[in-house]
PDB file of N, CA and C in Angstrom:
ATOM      1  N   MET A   1      94.998 112.069  70.441  1.00  0.00           N
ATOM      2  CA  MET A   1      93.483 112.391  68.722  1.00  0.00           C
ATOM      3  C   MET A   1      95.107 112.883  68.062  1.00  0.00           C
ATOM      4  N   HIS A   2      95.213 111.994  67.019  1.00  0.00           N
ATOM      5  CA  HIS A   2      95.671 112.607  65.808  1.00  0.00           C
ATOM      6  C   HIS A   2      95.122 113.714  64.603  1.00  0.00           C
ATOM      7  N   GLN A   3      95.593 115.040  64.165  1.00  0.00           N
ATOM      8  CA  GLN A   3      95.332 115.268  62.940  1.00  0.00           C
ATOM      9  C   GLN A   3      96.125 115.616  61.759  1.00  0.00           C
ATOM     10  N   ILE A   4      95.605 115.690  60.701  1.00  0.00           N
ATOM     11  CA  ILE A   4      96.521 115.550  59.792  1.00  0.00           C
ATOM     12  C   ILE A   4      96.262 116.923  59.281  1.00  0.00           C
ATOM     13  N   LEU A   5      97.115 117.844  58.928  1.00  0.00           N
ATOM     14  CA  LEU A   5      96.792 119.461  58.762  1.00  0.00           C
ATOM     15  C   LEU A   5      97.824 119.863  57.486  1.00  0.00           C
ATOM     16  N   ASN A   6      97.868 120.902  56.816  1.00  0.00           N
ATOM     17  CA  ASN A   6      98.774 121.956  55.847  1.00  0.00           C
ATOM     18  C   ASN A   6      98.865 123.083  56.341  1.00  0.00           C
ATOM     19  N   ASP A   7      98.840 123.594  57.403  1.00  0.00           N
ATOM     20  CA  ASP A   7      98.535 125.540  57.943  1.00  0.00           C
ATOM     21  C   ASP A   7      99.781 125.770  57.752  1.00  0.00           C
ATOM     22  N   PRO A   8     100.262 126.503  57.562  1.00  0.00           N
ATOM     23  CA  PRO A   8     100.827 127.779  57.351  1.00  0.00           C
ATOM     24  C   PRO A   8     101.051 127.978  58.944  1.00  0.00           C
ATOM     25  N   ILE A   9     102.438 128.459  59.225  1.00  0.00           N
ATOM     26  CA  ILE A   9     102.911 128.544  60.955  1.00  0.00           C
ATOM     27  C   ILE A   9     103.744 129.769  60.691  1.00  0.00           C
ATOM     28  N   ASP A  10     104.040 130.301  61.711  1.00  0.00           N
ATOM     29  CA  ASP A  10     104.949 131.188  62.062  1.00  0.00           C
ATOM     30  C   ASP A  10     105.823 130.389  63.139  1.00  0.00           C
ATOM     31  N   LEU A  11     107.330 130.382  62.691  1.00  0.00           N
ATOM     32  CA  LEU A  11     108.190 129.967  63.604  1.00  0.00           C
ATOM     33  C   LEU A  11     109.569 130.331  64.293  1.00  0.00           C
ATOM     34  N   VAL A  12     109.974 130.089  65.585  1.00  0.00           N
ATOM     35  CA  VAL A  12     111.070 131.284  65.653  1.00  0.00           C
ATOM     36  C   VAL A  12     112.281 129.876  65.650  1.00  0.00           C
ATOM     37  N   VAL A  13     113.055 130.104  65.391  1.00  0.00           N
ATOM     38  CA  VAL A  13     113.778 129.101  65.315  1.00  0.00           C
ATOM     39  C   VAL A  13     115.372 129.429  65.336  1.00  0.00           C
ATOM     40  N   SER A  14     116.652 128.879  65.874  1.00  0.00           N
ATOM     41  CA  SER A  14     117.822 129.081  66.275  1.00  0.00           C
ATOM     42  C   SER A  14     118.773 128.262  65.037  1.00  0.00           C
ATOM     43  N   PHE A  15     120.183 129.154  64.872  1.00  0.00           N
ATOM     44  CA  PHE A  15     121.104 128.486  64.046  1.00  0.00           C
ATOM     45  C   PHE A  15     121.955 127.460  64.882  1.00  0.00           C
ATOM     46  N   HIS A  16     122.798 126.219  65.225  1.00  0.00           N
ATOM     47  CA  HIS A  16     123.479 126.346  65.700  1.00  0.00           C
ATOM     48  C   HIS A  16     124.627 124.959  64.668  1.00  0.00           C
ATOM     49  N   GLU A  17     126.057 124.658  64.410  1.00  0.00           N
ATOM     50  CA  GLU A  17     126.517 123.797  63.484  1.00  0.00           C
ATOM     51  C   GLU A  17     125.998 123.581  62.206  1.00  0.00           C
ATOM     52  N   ASN A  18     125.515 124.637  61.336  1.00  0.00           N
ATOM     53  CA  ASN A  18     124.734 124.359  60.128  1.00  0.00           C
ATOM     54  C   ASN A  18     123.346 123.314  60.557  1.00  0.00           C
ATOM     55  N   ARG A  19     122.677 123.739  61.442  1.00  0.00           N
ATOM     56  CA  ARG A  19     121.884 123.335  61.708  1.00  0.00           C
ATOM     57  C   ARG A  19     120.112 123.885  62.490  1.00  0.00           C
ATOM     58  N   VAL A  20     119.354 123.558  62.034  1.00  0.00           N
ATOM     59  CA  VAL A  20     118.102 124.710  62.251  1.00  0.00           C
ATOM     60  C   VAL A  20     117.398 123.927  63.390  1.00  0.00           C
ATOM     61  N   ILE A  21     117.403 124.500  64.104  1.00  0.00           N
ATOM     62  CA  ILE A  21     116.436 124.163  65.874  1.00  0.00           C
ATOM     63  C   ILE A  21     114.967 125.138  65.407  1.00  0.00           C
ATOM     64  N   PRO A  22     114.102 124.333  65.771  1.00  0.00           N
ATOM     65  CA  PRO A  22     112.865 124.960  66.242  1.00  0.00           C
ATOM     66  C   PRO A  22     112.641 125.243  67.664  1.00  0.00           C
ATOM     67  N   LYS A  23     112.062 126.787  68.134  1.00  0.00           N
ATOM     68  CA  LYS A  23     112.200 127.206  69.414  1.00  0.00           C
ATOM     69  C   LYS A  23     111.335 127.174  69.592  1.00  0.00           C
ATOM     70  N   ARG A  24     110.146 128.161  68.753  1.00  0.00           N
ATOM     71  CA  ARG A  24     108.927 128.630  69.553  1.00  0.00           C
ATOM     72  C   ARG A  24     107.834 128.431  67.792  1.00  0.00           C
ATOM     73  N   MET A  25     106.849 128.050  68.011  1.00  0.00           N
ATOM     74  CA  MET A  25     105.356 128.191  66.993  1.00  0.00           C
ATOM     75  C   MET A  25     104.361 128.570  67.331  1.00  0.00           C
ATOM     76  N   ARG A  26     103.413 129.256  66.481  1.00  0.00           N
ATOM     77  CA  ARG A  26     102.529 129.998  66.106  1.00  0.00           C
ATOM     78  C   ARG A  26     101.466 129.387  65.374  1.00  0.00           C
ATOM     79  N   TRP A  27     100.100 128.658  66.146  1.00  0.00           N
ATOM     80  CA  TRP A  27      99.685 128.200  65.284  1.00  0.00           C
ATOM     81  C   TRP A  27      98.309 128.815  65.944  1.00  0.00           C
ATOM     82  N   ASP A  28      97.211 128.875  64.759  1.00  0.00           N
ATOM     83  CA  ASP A  28      95.989 129.010  65.488  1.00  0.00           C
ATOM     84  C   ASP A  28      95.677 130.271  66.613  1.00  0.00           C
ATOM     85  N   GLY A  29      96.544 130.804  66.397  1.00  0.00           N
ATOM     86  CA  GLY A  29      96.423 131.889  67.323  1.00  0.00           C
ATOM     87  C   GLY A  29      96.861 131.855  69.587  1.00  0.00           C
ATOM     88  N   ARG A  30      97.139 130.771  69.281  1.00  0.00           N
ATOM     89  CA  ARG A  30      98.363 130.275  70.043  1.00  0.00           C
ATOM     90  C   ARG A  30      99.526 130.371  69.800  1.00  0.00           C
ATOM     91  N   GLU A  31     100.744 130.073  70.801  1.00  0.00           N
ATOM     92  CA  GLU A  31     101.902 130.122  70.651  1.00  0.00           C
ATOM     93  C   GLU A  31     102.308 128.954  71.744  1.00  0.00           C
ATOM     94  N   TYR A  32     103.524 127.437  71.395  1.00  0.00           N
ATOM     95  CA  TYR A  32     104.029 126.834  71.878  1.00  0.00           C
ATOM     96  C   TYR A  32     105.244 126.383  71.590  1.00  0.00           C
ATOM     97  N   ASP A  33     105.433 126.564  73.337  1.00  0.00           N
ATOM     98  CA  ASP A  33     107.218 126.514  73.212  1.00  0.00           C
ATOM     99  C   ASP A  33     107.840 124.871  72.881  1.00  0.00           C
ATOM    100  N   ILE A  34     108.415 124.826  72.014  1.00  0.00           N
ATOM    101  CA  ILE A  34     109.512 123.779  71.578  1.00  0.00           C
ATOM    102  C   ILE A  34     110.485 123.037  72.252  1.00  0.00           C
ATOM    103  N   LYS A  35     110.378 122.100  73.030  1.00  0.00           N
ATOM    104  CA  LYS A  35     111.194 122.080  74.407  1.00  0.00           C
ATOM    105  C   LYS A  35     112.182 120.668  73.422  1.00  0.00           C
ATOM    106  N   THR A  36     111.431 120.248  72.824  1.00  0.00           N
ATOM    107  CA  THR A  36     112.708 118.656  72.303  1.00  0.00           C
ATOM    108  C   THR A  36     112.739 118.390  70.290  1.00  0.00           C
ATOM    109  N   VAL A  37     112.898 118.194  69.854  1.00  0.00           N
ATOM    110  CA  VAL A  37     113.648 117.543  68.508  1.00  0.00           C
ATOM    111  C   VAL A  37     114.068 116.217  68.345  1.00  0.00           C
ATOM    112  N   ASN A  38     112.947 115.761  68.101  1.00  0.00           N
ATOM    113  CA  ASN A  38     112.829 114.581  67.902  1.00  0.00           C
ATOM    114  C   ASN A  38     113.787 113.571  66.537  1.00  0.00           C
ATOM    115  N   LEU A  39     113.129 114.255  65.685  1.00  0.00           N
ATOM    116  CA  LEU A  39     113.615 113.816  63.926  1.00  0.00           C
ATOM    117  C   LEU A  39     113.961 114.241  63.679  1.00  0.00           C
ATOM    118  N   VAL A  40     114.737 115.046  62.341  1.00  0.00           N
ATOM    119  CA  VAL A  40     114.587 115.918  61.214  1.00  0.00           C
ATOM    120  C   VAL A  40     115.293 114.886  60.134  1.00  0.00           C
ATOM    121  N   HIS A  41     114.125 115.052  58.958  1.00  0.00           N
ATOM    122  CA  HIS A  41     114.869 114.294  58.227  1.00  0.00           C
ATOM    123  C   HIS A  41     114.012 114.947  56.240  1.00  0.00           C
ATOM    124  N   THR A  42     114.622 114.286  55.452  1.00  0.00           N
ATOM    125  CA  THR A  42     114.258 115.746  54.215  1.00  0.00           C
ATOM    126  C   THR A  42     113.625 114.224  53.511  1.00  0.00           C
ATOM    127  N   ALA A  43     113.064 115.332  52.600  1.00  0.00           N
ATOM    128  CA  ALA A  43     112.354 114.427  51.718  1.00  0.00           C
ATOM    129  C   ALA A  43     111.899 114.978  50.192  1.00  0.00           C
ATOM    130  N   ARG A  44     111.637 114.224  48.744  1.00  0.00           N
ATOM    131  CA  ARG A  44     111.659 114.817  47.979  1.00  0.00           C
ATOM    132  C   ARG A  44     110.381 115.504  47.055  1.00  0.00           C
ATOM    133  N   GLU A  45     109.946 116.164  46.500  1.00  0.00           N
ATOM    134  CA  GLU A  45     108.424 116.302  46.156  1.00  0.00           C
ATOM    135  C   GLU A  45     108.744 116.723  45.064  1.00  0.00           C
ATOM    136  N   GLY A  46     108.579 115.943  44.017  1.00  0.00           N
ATOM    137  CA  GLY A  46     109.296 116.223  42.654  1.00  0.00           C
ATOM    138  C   GLY A  46     110.782 116.795  42.609  1.00  0.00           C
ATOM    139  N   THR A  47     111.482 117.733  42.279  1.00  0.00           N
ATOM    140  CA  THR A  47     112.563 117.921  42.261  1.00  0.00           C
ATOM    141  C   THR A  47     113.254 118.885  43.530  1.00  0.00           C
ATOM    142  N   LYS A  48     111.923 118.756  43.946  1.00  0.00           N
ATOM    143  CA  LYS A  48     111.992 119.801  45.554  1.00  0.00           C
ATOM    144  C   LYS A  48     112.471 119.082  46.565  1.00  0.00           C
ATOM    145  N   ARG A  49     113.556 119.421  47.305  1.00  0.00           N
ATOM    146  CA  ARG A  49     114.007 119.094  48.195  1.00  0.00           C
ATOM    147  C   ARG A  49     112.939 119.548  49.811  1.00  0.00           C
ATOM    148  N   VAL A  50     112.637 118.958  50.719  1.00  0.00           N
ATOM    149  CA  VAL A  50     112.105 119.932  51.865  1.00  0.00           C
ATOM    150  C   VAL A  50     112.327 119.166  53.220  1.00  0.00           C
ATOM    151  N   PHE A  51     111.826 119.888  54.300  1.00  0.00           N
ATOM    152  CA  PHE A  51     113.161 119.163  55.653  1.00  0.00           C
ATOM    153  C   PHE A  51     111.428 118.787  56.428  1.00  0.00           C
ATOM    154  N   TYR A  52     111.317 117.986  57.321  1.00  0.00           N
ATOM    155  CA  TYR A  52     110.697 117.709  58.153  1.00  0.00           C
ATOM    156  C   TYR A  52     110.942 117.257  59.638  1.00  0.00           C
ATOM    157  N   PHE A  53     110.344 117.918  60.653  1.00  0.00           N
ATOM    158  CA  PHE A  53     110.504 117.805  61.825  1.00  0.00           C
ATOM    159  C   PHE A  53     109.902 117.237  62.671  1.00  0.00           C
ATOM    160  N   SER A  54     110.059 116.940  63.330  1.00  0.00           N
ATOM    161  CA  SER A  54     109.678 115.568  64.589  1.00  0.00           C
ATOM    162  C   SER A  54     109.934 116.536  65.881  1.00  0.00           C
ATOM    163  N   VAL A  55     108.409 117.047  66.411  1.00  0.00           N
ATOM    164  CA  VAL A  55     108.943 118.383  67.420  1.00  0.00           C
ATOM    165  C   VAL A  55     108.095 117.964  68.911  1.00  0.00           C
ATOM    166  N   SER A  56     107.759 118.287  70.209  1.00  0.00           N
ATOM    167  CA  SER A  56     107.195 118.475  71.269  1.00  0.00           C
ATOM    168  C   SER A  56     107.277 119.374  72.206  1.00  0.00           C
ATOM    169  N   ASP A  57     106.459 120.337  72.315  1.00  0.00           N
ATOM    170  CA  ASP A  57     106.386 120.393  74.150  1.00  0.00           C
ATOM    171  C   ASP A  57     106.170 120.423  75.056  1.00  0.00           C
ATOM    172  N   MET A  58     106.397 118.486  75.070  1.00  0.00           N
ATOM    173  CA  MET A  58     106.077 118.342  76.052  1.00  0.00           C
ATOM    174  C   MET A  58     104.742 117.594  76.248  1.00  0.00           C
ATOM    175  N   THR A  59     103.574 118.194  75.882  1.00  0.00           N
ATOM    176  CA  THR A  59     102.491 117.765  76.069  1.00  0.00           C
ATOM    177  C   THR A  59     101.696 117.445  74.319  1.00  0.00           C
ATOM    178  N   ASN A  60     102.212 118.024  73.397  1.00  0.00           N
ATOM    179  CA  ASN A  60     101.774 117.889  72.250  1.00  0.00           C
ATOM    180  C   ASN A  60     102.881 117.916  71.252  1.00  0.00           C
ATOM    181  N   TYR A  61     102.898 116.476  70.334  1.00  0.00           N
ATOM    182  CA  TYR A  61     103.792 116.351  68.710  1.00  0.00           C
ATOM    183  C   TYR A  61     103.220 117.238  67.902  1.00  0.00           C
ATOM    184  N   PHE A  62     104.002 117.429  67.407  1.00  0.00           N
ATOM    185  CA  PHE A  62     104.259 118.249  65.669  1.00  0.00           C
ATOM    186  C   PHE A  62     104.920 117.808  64.647  1.00  0.00           C
ATOM    187  N   LYS A  63     104.217 117.712  63.680  1.00  0.00           N
ATOM    188  CA  LYS A  63     105.257 117.016  62.243  1.00  0.00           C
ATOM    189  C   LYS A  63     105.006 118.951  61.778  1.00  0.00           C
ATOM    190  N   LEU A  64     106.771 119.278  61.375  1.00  0.00           N
ATOM    191  CA  LEU A  64     107.066 120.507  60.953  1.00  0.00           C
ATOM    192  C   LEU A  64     107.396 120.255  59.640  1.00  0.00           C
ATOM    193  N   LYS A  65     107.275 121.361  58.449  1.00  0.00           N
ATOM    194  CA  LYS A  65     107.550 120.929  57.301  1.00  0.00           C
ATOM    195  C   LYS A  65     107.994 122.462  56.986  1.00  0.00           C
ATOM    196  N   LEU A  66     109.319 122.423  56.229  1.00  0.00           N
ATOM    197  CA  LEU A  66     109.780 123.941  55.701  1.00  0.00           C
ATOM    198  C   LEU A  66     110.593 123.604  54.420  1.00  0.00           C
ATOM    199  N   ASP A  67     110.164 124.958  53.381  1.00  0.00           N
ATOM    200  CA  ASP A  67     110.026 124.586  52.093  1.00  0.00           C
ATOM    201  C   ASP A  67     111.504 125.366  51.891  1.00  0.00           C
ATOM    202  N   PRO A  68     112.818 125.049  51.793  1.00  0.00           N
ATOM    203  CA  PRO A  68     113.465 126.266  51.468  1.00  0.00           C
ATOM    204  C   PRO A  68     113.834 126.970  51.017  1.00  0.00           C
ATOM    205  N   ASP A  69     112.902 126.692  49.612  1.00  0.00           N
ATOM    206  CA  ASP A  69     112.963 127.180  48.507  1.00  0.00           C
ATOM    207  C   ASP A  69     112.130 128.916  49.026  1.00  0.00           C
ATOM    208  N   THR A  70     110.877 128.663  49.703  1.00  0.00           N
ATOM    209  CA  THR A  70     110.028 129.946  49.804  1.00  0.00           C
ATOM    210  C   THR A  70     110.603 130.541  51.051  1.00  0.00           C
ATOM    211  N   LEU A  71     111.416 129.227  52.130  1.00  0.00           N
ATOM    212  CA  LEU A  71     111.430 129.480  53.855  1.00  0.00           C
ATOM    213  C   LEU A  71     110.098 129.992  54.117  1.00  0.00           C
ATOM    214  N   GLU A  72     108.998 128.722  53.848  1.00  0.00           N
ATOM    215  CA  GLU A  72     107.340 128.862  54.006  1.00  0.00           C
ATOM    216  C   GLU A  72     107.652 127.330  55.335  1.00  0.00           C
ATOM    217  N   TRP A  73     106.747 127.664  56.470  1.00  0.00           N
ATOM    218  CA  TRP A  73     107.107 126.256  57.429  1.00  0.00           C
ATOM    219  C   TRP A  73     105.180 126.196  57.831  1.00  0.00           C
ATOM    220  N   ARG A  74     104.590 124.747  57.608  1.00  0.00           N
ATOM    221  CA  ARG A  74     103.711 123.829  57.808  1.00  0.00           C
ATOM    222  C   ARG A  74     103.863 123.024  58.699  1.00  0.00           C
ATOM    223  N   LEU A  75     102.522 123.158  59.138  1.00  0.00           N
ATOM    224  CA  LEU A  75     102.530 122.584  60.554  1.00  0.00           C
ATOM    225  C   LEU A  75     101.614 120.754  59.456  1.00  0.00           C
ATOM    226  N   ILE A  76     102.210 119.859  59.490  1.00  0.00           N
ATOM    227  CA  ILE A  76     101.657 118.655  59.125  1.00  0.00           C
ATOM    228  C   ILE A  76     100.965 117.783  59.870  1.00  0.00           C
ATOM    229  N   GLU A  77     101.251 117.755  61.060  1.00  0.00           N
ATOM    230  CA  GLU A  77     100.874 116.341  61.730  1.00  0.00           C
ATOM    231  C   GLU A  77     100.429 116.874  63.485  1.00  0.00           C
ATOM    232  N   ILE A  78      99.749 116.813  63.938  1.00  0.00           N
ATOM    233  CA  ILE A  78      99.706 117.184  65.232  1.00  0.00           C
ATOM    234  C   ILE A  78      98.846 115.748  66.406  1.00  0.00           C
ATOM    235  N   TYR A  79      99.815 115.040  66.877  1.00  0.00           N
ATOM    236  CA  TYR A  79      99.015 114.600  68.021  1.00  0.00           C
ATOM    237  C   TYR A  79      98.685 115.214  69.537  1.00  0.00           C
ATOM    238  N   THR A  80      97.602 114.675  70.222  1.00  0.00           N
ATOM    239  CA  THR A  80      97.056 115.033  71.637  1.00  0.00           C
ATOM    240  C   THR A  80      97.075 114.075  72.207  1.00  0.00           C
ATOM    241  N   ASP A  81      96.984 114.301  73.262  1.00  0.00           N
ATOM    242  CA  ASP A  81      96.089 113.413  74.577  1.00  0.00           C
ATOM    243  C   ASP A  81      94.734 113.769  73.892  1.00  0.00           C
TER     244      ASP A  81
END
């Protein structure tokens, strides 16, 4: 199942060699341990640059968005079986 969302989430991250690495996500009252970061890319929203992370907990696949100006994380998409 594929869902398009725009929900705020809480995220635990680590930093390694100038990279942000998502580790754990809290969404809709549940926690997900992120096992893999599959893709990271940037995009422009007007004059603002935002970061997108495609991650997985090995059961679900998530697309996350980071707004570096506000440091707000959002869950943009989820893919589940």
